[in-house]
Amino acid sequence: MIGQVLRERRGYHGWTLADVAEKTGISKSTLSKIENDLISPSYQTIIQLCEGLDIEIGDLLAPNSNSAEPKHLMGRRSVSRQHEGLPMEDNNYRYVYLCTDIAHKRIIPMVIDVKADSLERIDGLWNHVGEEFVYVLEGSITLYTSHYEAITLEANDSVYFDSTMGHAYIAAGGNPARLLVTCSSATPNLAQTLREMLKQRLTAKD
């Protein structure tokens, strides 16, 4: 099953075995054996594949993970303790994606630490598919959007908006803030889409 998913993902992106070996640190011979179901990858190898190819464990373990149709499964559950999850960060934001072991989620939960204290520190507003809910856990933020005046949100305030509208969170009052954010959409592989967009934005700032 993992071999099939790996073959499909490699073919979709046009990667060679050498490309995947470079991304993951796993040898071409081992990758070939995994793709042909000659060996079962260890947990560490699975982690290397997920980190190197920027996918969730659930995406790798799910059959036909590149299908345009999301899986309709009953009784799924995922637990993240003490904000464990997949982190991505730069000098302005730290994102922790929660409950990453379930693939094809319609709701993507994350905790965001906001360090940016002005729009000048970031590359302007950003937008993406879906809708977004923001709950301020600690501190306060100024929410900038392309269709509304800027608004300040304090701890325990919340807002829901269309994510296709340009938006950005900026720490208010000179201190970092922490947010609980959920993004939702019927778009398949929403988590991967958001991570790829975020990775491009963070990389562009380096």
Protein backbone atom coordinates (compact mmCIF):
# COMPACT_ATOMS: atom_id res chain seq x y z
CA MET A 1 0.00 0.00 0.00
CA ILE A 2 2.79 2.45 0.91
CA GLY A 3 4.64 1.40 -2.24
CA GLN A 4 1.63 2.24 -4.40
CA VAL A 5 1.17 5.64 -2.75
CA LEU A 6 4.87 6.42 -3.15
CA ARG A 7 4.83 5.44 -6.84
CA GLU A 8 1.71 7.54 -7.51
CA ARG A 9 3.10 10.60 -5.72
CA ARG A 10 6.45 10.31 -7.48
CA GLY A 11 4.73 9.97 -10.85
CA TYR A 12 2.38 12.88 -10.13
CA HIS A 13 5.31 15.23 -9.44
CA GLY A 14 7.56 13.74 -12.11
CA TRP A 15 10.24 12.85 -9.56
CA THR A 16 12.90 10.23 -10.19
CA LEU A 17 14.03 7.83 -7.49
CA ALA A 18 17.14 9.98 -7.19
CA ASP A 19 14.95 13.04 -6.54
CA VAL A 20 13.06 11.26 -3.75
CA ALA A 21 16.33 9.91 -2.32
CA GLU A 22 17.70 13.45 -2.12
CA LYS A 23 14.54 14.78 -0.49
CA THR A 24 14.24 12.00 2.11
CA GLY A 25 17.78 10.74 2.72
CA ILE A 26 16.65 7.20 1.86
CA SER A 27 18.71 5.29 -0.70
CA LYS A 28 17.37 4.65 -4.20
CA SER A 29 17.61 0.90 -3.71
CA THR A 30 15.53 1.04 -0.53
CA LEU A 31 12.96 3.28 -2.19
CA SER A 32 12.71 0.89 -5.13
CA LYS A 33 12.12 -2.05 -2.77
CA ILE A 34 9.41 -0.10 -0.94
CA GLU A 35 7.68 0.85 -4.19
CA ASN A 36 7.69 -2.79 -5.33
CA ASP A 37 6.48 -4.06 -1.94
CA LEU A 38 9.66 -6.05 -1.41
CA ILE A 39 10.19 -4.60 2.06
CA SER A 40 8.01 -2.88 4.64
CA PRO A 41 9.43 0.49 5.71
CA SER A 42 10.27 1.03 9.37
CA TYR A 43 8.58 3.75 11.38
CA GLN A 44 11.69 5.93 11.04
CA THR A 45 11.65 5.45 7.26
CA ILE A 46 7.97 6.43 7.15
CA ILE A 47 8.79 9.60 9.11
CA GLN A 48 11.61 10.40 6.67
CA LEU A 49 9.25 9.93 3.73
CA CYS A 50 6.61 12.19 5.27
CA GLU A 51 9.07 14.94 6.20
CA GLY A 52 10.99 14.76 2.92
CA LEU A 53 7.89 14.72 0.72
CA ASP A 54 5.91 17.11 2.95
CA ILE A 55 2.93 14.80 3.49
CA GLU A 56 1.04 13.53 6.52
CA ILE A 57 1.39 9.99 7.80
CA GLY A 58 -2.31 9.50 7.07
CA ASP A 59 -1.77 10.46 3.42
CA LEU A 60 1.04 7.95 3.06
CA LEU A 61 -0.82 5.10 4.73
CA ALA A 62 -4.15 5.72 3.01
CA PRO A 63 -4.78 3.81 -0.23
CA ASN A 64 -5.34 5.89 -3.37
CA SER A 65 -4.33 9.03 -1.44
CA ASN A 66 -4.07 11.08 -4.65
CA SER A 67 -7.65 10.42 -5.60
CA ALA A 68 -9.71 13.54 -6.19
CA GLU A 69 -12.43 12.15 -3.94
CA PRO A 70 -11.93 12.32 -0.17
CA LYS A 71 -12.36 9.10 1.78
CA HIS A 72 -15.69 8.64 3.54
CA LEU A 73 -14.73 6.86 6.74
CA MET A 74 -16.74 6.47 9.90
CA GLY A 75 -15.47 6.79 13.44
CA ARG A 76 -12.15 8.54 12.81
CA ARG A 77 -10.39 10.09 15.79
CA SER A 78 -7.08 11.83 16.40
CA VAL A 79 -5.53 13.20 19.59
CA SER A 80 -2.76 15.81 19.84
CA ARG A 81 -1.27 16.33 23.30
CA GLN A 82 0.45 19.51 24.47
CA HIS A 83 0.31 21.04 21.00
CA GLU A 84 2.29 18.18 19.46
CA GLY A 85 2.04 18.20 15.70
CA LEU A 86 3.82 19.36 12.57
CA PRO A 87 5.63 22.70 13.15
CA MET A 88 6.56 25.28 10.50
CA GLU A 89 8.00 28.66 11.41
CA ASP A 90 10.00 31.75 10.57
CA ASN A 91 10.82 34.92 12.49
CA ASN A 92 7.23 36.14 12.27
CA TYR A 93 5.03 33.08 12.83
CA ARG A 94 5.12 29.57 14.23
CA TYR A 95 2.46 27.18 12.94
CA VAL A 96 1.77 23.81 14.58
CA TYR A 97 -0.58 21.58 12.59
CA LEU A 98 -2.60 19.37 14.96
CA CYS A 99 -4.04 15.86 14.52
CA THR A 100 -1.87 15.20 11.46
CA ASP A 101 -2.34 11.42 11.49
CA ILE A 102 -5.75 11.68 9.77
CA ALA A 103 -5.70 12.35 6.04
CA HIS A 104 -8.27 14.22 3.94
CA LYS A 105 -9.66 16.28 6.80
CA ARG A 106 -12.28 18.91 5.93
CA ILE A 107 -11.16 20.97 8.94
CA ILE A 108 -7.48 21.76 9.54
CA PRO A 109 -6.72 22.75 13.16
CA MET A 110 -3.54 24.56 14.12
CA VAL A 111 -2.00 26.71 16.82
CA ILE A 112 -0.26 29.85 15.55
CA ASP A 113 2.19 31.94 17.55
CA VAL A 114 2.18 35.45 16.10
CA LYS A 115 5.44 37.37 16.47
CA ALA A 116 5.14 39.84 13.57
CA ASP A 117 4.29 43.28 14.97
CA SER A 118 3.71 45.19 11.72
CA LEU A 119 2.60 44.57 8.15
CA GLU A 120 6.03 45.76 7.01
CA ARG A 121 7.58 42.61 8.52
CA ILE A 122 5.54 40.32 6.27
CA ASP A 123 4.83 40.17 2.55
CA GLY A 124 1.40 41.77 2.77
CA LEU A 125 -1.93 39.96 3.00
CA TRP A 126 -2.34 36.35 1.91
CA ASN A 127 -5.34 34.26 0.92
CA HIS A 128 -6.24 30.63 0.29
CA VAL A 129 -9.20 28.39 -0.41
CA GLY A 130 -11.90 27.85 2.22
CA GLU A 131 -13.12 29.54 5.39
CA GLU A 132 -11.28 30.28 8.62
CA PHE A 133 -12.08 30.50 12.33
CA VAL A 134 -9.66 32.28 14.70
CA TYR A 135 -9.81 32.19 18.51
CA VAL A 136 -7.29 34.27 20.47
CA LEU A 137 -5.79 32.12 23.23
CA GLU A 138 -3.20 34.58 24.55
CA GLY A 139 -2.29 38.21 23.90
CA SER A 140 -4.00 40.30 21.25
CA ILE A 141 -3.80 40.67 17.49
CA THR A 142 -4.77 43.10 14.79
CA LEU A 143 -6.58 41.31 11.98
CA TYR A 144 -6.11 42.93 8.58
CA THR A 145 -8.41 41.95 5.71
CA SER A 146 -8.80 43.23 2.18
CA HIS A 147 -12.54 44.03 2.52
CA TYR A 148 -12.81 45.39 6.08
CA GLU A 149 -11.11 47.88 8.37
CA ALA A 150 -8.42 46.43 10.64
CA ILE A 151 -9.80 45.11 13.95
CA THR A 152 -8.10 44.29 17.25
CA LEU A 153 -8.95 40.97 18.91
CA GLU A 154 -8.13 40.31 22.56
CA ALA A 155 -7.81 37.01 24.43
CA ASN A 156 -11.05 34.99 24.17
CA ASP A 157 -12.24 36.99 21.15
CA SER A 158 -12.92 35.11 17.91
CA VAL A 159 -13.67 35.76 14.26
CA TYR A 160 -14.88 33.72 11.27
CA PHE A 161 -14.19 34.83 7.70
CA ASP A 162 -13.79 33.79 4.08
CA SER A 163 -10.14 32.77 3.59
CA THR A 164 -10.20 33.72 -0.10
CA MET A 165 -10.20 37.31 1.16
CA GLY A 166 -6.71 38.70 1.77
CA HIS A 167 -5.86 38.54 5.48
CA ALA A 168 -3.01 38.70 7.99
CA TYR A 169 -2.55 38.49 11.77
CA ILE A 170 -0.25 41.01 13.48
CA ALA A 171 0.65 40.95 17.17
CA ALA A 172 -0.81 44.01 18.93
CA GLY A 173 0.56 45.73 22.02
CA GLY A 174 4.18 44.77 21.37
CA ASN A 175 3.84 41.22 22.71
CA PRO A 176 3.47 37.88 20.86
CA ALA A 177 0.03 36.30 20.66
CA ARG A 178 -1.19 32.71 20.38
CA LEU A 179 -4.16 31.67 18.26
CA LEU A 180 -6.25 28.57 17.73
CA VAL A 181 -7.08 28.55 14.02
CA THR A 182 -9.20 26.15 12.00
CA CYS A 183 -9.37 26.23 8.20
CA SER A 184 -12.16 24.38 6.43
CA SER A 185 -12.96 23.50 2.83
CA ALA A 186 -14.40 20.70 0.73
CA THR A 187 -11.16 20.80 -1.28
CA PRO A 188 -9.39 17.39 -1.22
CA ASN A 189 -5.99 17.34 0.54
CA LEU A 190 -6.63 20.74 2.15
CA ALA A 191 -3.88 20.19 4.74
CA GLN A 192 -1.26 19.53 2.07
CA THR A 193 -2.44 22.54 0.04
CA LEU A 194 -2.12 24.85 3.05
CA ARG A 195 1.29 23.48 4.03
CA GLU A 196 2.66 23.88 0.51
CA MET A 197 1.42 27.48 0.33
CA LEU A 198 2.89 28.25 3.74
CA LYS A 199 6.19 26.59 2.91
CA GLN A 200 6.48 28.68 -0.26
CA ARG A 201 5.78 31.86 1.66
CA LEU A 202 8.27 31.06 4.42
CA THR A 203 10.93 30.02 1.90
CA ALA A 204 10.41 33.20 -0.12
CA LYS A 205 11.27 35.26 2.97
CA ASP A 206 14.62 33.51 3.58
